[in-house]
């Protein structure tokens, strides 16, 4: 199965920011593939080095588990980056800027399930 995950929470709420990554890491452990799209304030999570500093209350930080996995794709909303004064150069090199069209394309895959956080 392919999970298409949208995230909106950023570093100001580290527990909520990490939930989509925990879900994605769990799906990857089960052999599924994931596309994670970071919208709104969640784009700050993809800034180089930022995710490593997130300490969620309770669950572990799973950013690295997802970012390094070959069956995971992390898109970062380009309009959201632009609105926050960030550019692609600031991002973790394992992520890529994208848009709603990329999210829609992933959601249209035949075996896709969309999950929102």
Protein backbone atom coordinates (compact mmCIF):
# COMPACT_ATOMS: atom_id res chain seq x y z
CA UNK A 1 0.00 0.00 0.00
CA UNK A 2 1.08 3.59 -0.53
CA UNK A 3 0.28 6.18 2.12
CA UNK A 4 0.08 9.83 1.09
CA UNK A 5 0.45 11.93 4.23
CA UNK A 6 -0.12 15.64 4.67
CA UNK A 7 1.37 17.48 7.62
CA UNK A 8 0.77 21.03 8.84
CA UNK A 9 2.28 21.29 12.33
CA UNK A 10 5.80 22.60 12.82
CA UNK A 11 8.44 22.95 15.52
CA UNK A 12 6.23 25.07 17.80
CA UNK A 13 4.37 21.82 18.59
CA UNK A 14 7.02 19.09 18.32
CA UNK A 15 4.70 16.24 19.28
CA UNK A 16 2.15 17.08 16.59
CA UNK A 17 4.95 17.83 14.13
CA UNK A 18 6.36 14.33 14.64
CA UNK A 19 3.06 12.38 14.35
CA UNK A 20 3.10 12.13 10.53
CA UNK A 21 6.70 10.92 10.66
CA UNK A 22 5.81 8.31 13.29
CA UNK A 23 2.94 7.09 11.11
CA UNK A 24 5.18 7.06 8.03
CA UNK A 25 7.98 5.19 9.83
CA UNK A 26 5.48 2.59 11.03
CA UNK A 27 4.11 2.13 7.50
CA UNK A 28 7.64 1.79 6.12
CA UNK A 29 8.44 -0.88 8.75
CA UNK A 30 5.41 -2.79 7.48
CA UNK A 31 6.79 -2.69 3.92
CA UNK A 32 4.54 0.08 2.62
CA UNK A 33 5.70 3.16 0.74
CA UNK A 34 4.96 6.76 1.70
CA UNK A 35 4.78 10.23 0.24
CA UNK A 36 4.85 12.91 2.91
CA UNK A 37 3.86 16.47 1.99
CA UNK A 38 4.79 19.22 4.41
CA UNK A 39 2.40 22.16 4.29
CA UNK A 40 2.09 25.37 6.37
CA UNK A 41 4.40 25.48 9.41
CA UNK A 42 5.52 21.87 8.95
CA UNK A 43 7.92 23.14 6.25
CA UNK A 44 10.19 24.31 9.09
CA UNK A 45 10.69 20.64 9.99
CA UNK A 46 12.50 20.10 6.67
CA UNK A 47 15.02 22.89 7.21
CA UNK A 48 18.45 21.29 7.42
CA UNK A 49 19.09 20.16 11.01
CA UNK A 50 15.73 21.35 12.41
CA UNK A 51 14.10 17.92 12.80
CA UNK A 52 16.98 16.62 14.91
CA UNK A 53 16.22 19.32 17.49
CA UNK A 54 12.53 18.36 17.82
CA UNK A 55 11.75 16.53 21.04
CA UNK A 56 8.19 15.24 21.02
CA UNK A 57 6.54 14.51 24.37
CA UNK A 58 6.08 10.75 24.56
CA UNK A 59 6.73 9.33 21.09
CA UNK A 60 10.22 9.22 19.59
CA UNK A 61 11.50 11.45 16.80
CA UNK A 62 11.20 9.44 13.58
CA UNK A 63 12.26 12.04 11.03
CA UNK A 64 15.54 10.27 10.18
CA UNK A 65 13.81 6.90 9.80
CA UNK A 66 11.60 8.40 7.11
CA UNK A 67 14.07 10.77 5.43
CA UNK A 68 16.65 8.03 4.84
CA UNK A 69 14.23 5.32 3.72
CA UNK A 70 14.30 4.42 0.00
CA UNK A 71 10.51 3.93 -0.12
CA UNK A 72 9.78 7.41 1.26
CA UNK A 73 9.43 10.71 -0.54
CA UNK A 74 9.23 14.00 1.35
CA UNK A 75 7.80 16.97 -0.54
CA UNK A 76 7.92 20.45 0.94
CA UNK A 77 5.23 22.90 -0.17
CA UNK A 78 7.01 25.52 -2.29
CA UNK A 79 4.37 28.24 -1.82
CA UNK A 80 4.55 27.58 1.94
CA UNK A 81 8.35 27.94 1.83
CA UNK A 82 8.09 31.18 -0.14
CA UNK A 83 5.51 32.63 2.26
CA UNK A 84 7.88 31.97 5.17
CA UNK A 85 10.95 33.43 3.47
CA UNK A 86 12.65 30.06 3.04
CA UNK A 87 14.26 28.69 -0.08
CA UNK A 88 15.08 25.21 -1.30
CA UNK A 89 18.73 25.75 -0.33
CA UNK A 90 17.72 25.73 3.35
CA UNK A 91 16.13 22.28 3.11
CA UNK A 92 17.39 18.86 4.08
CA UNK A 93 18.81 17.47 0.82
CA UNK A 94 16.59 14.38 1.15
CA UNK A 95 13.49 16.53 0.67
CA UNK A 96 12.28 18.38 -2.38
CA UNK A 97 10.07 21.40 -3.00
CA UNK A 98 6.76 20.62 -4.61
CA UNK A 99 3.19 21.69 -4.83
CA UNK A 100 -0.38 20.54 -4.62
CA UNK A 101 -0.03 18.88 -8.02
CA UNK A 102 2.62 16.55 -6.59
CA UNK A 103 0.38 15.71 -3.64
CA UNK A 104 -2.56 15.09 -5.97
CA UNK A 105 -0.47 12.84 -8.24
CA UNK A 106 0.56 10.70 -5.25
CA UNK A 107 -3.03 10.59 -3.98
CA UNK A 108 -4.21 9.33 -7.39
CA UNK A 109 -1.96 6.26 -7.31
CA UNK A 110 -4.14 3.14 -7.49
CA UNK A 111 -3.18 1.78 -4.07
CA UNK A 112 -2.95 5.16 -2.28
CA UNK A 113 -4.56 6.04 1.04
CA UNK A 114 -4.49 9.68 2.14
CA UNK A 115 -3.80 10.49 5.80
CA UNK A 116 -3.87 14.03 7.22
CA UNK A 117 -2.14 15.39 10.31
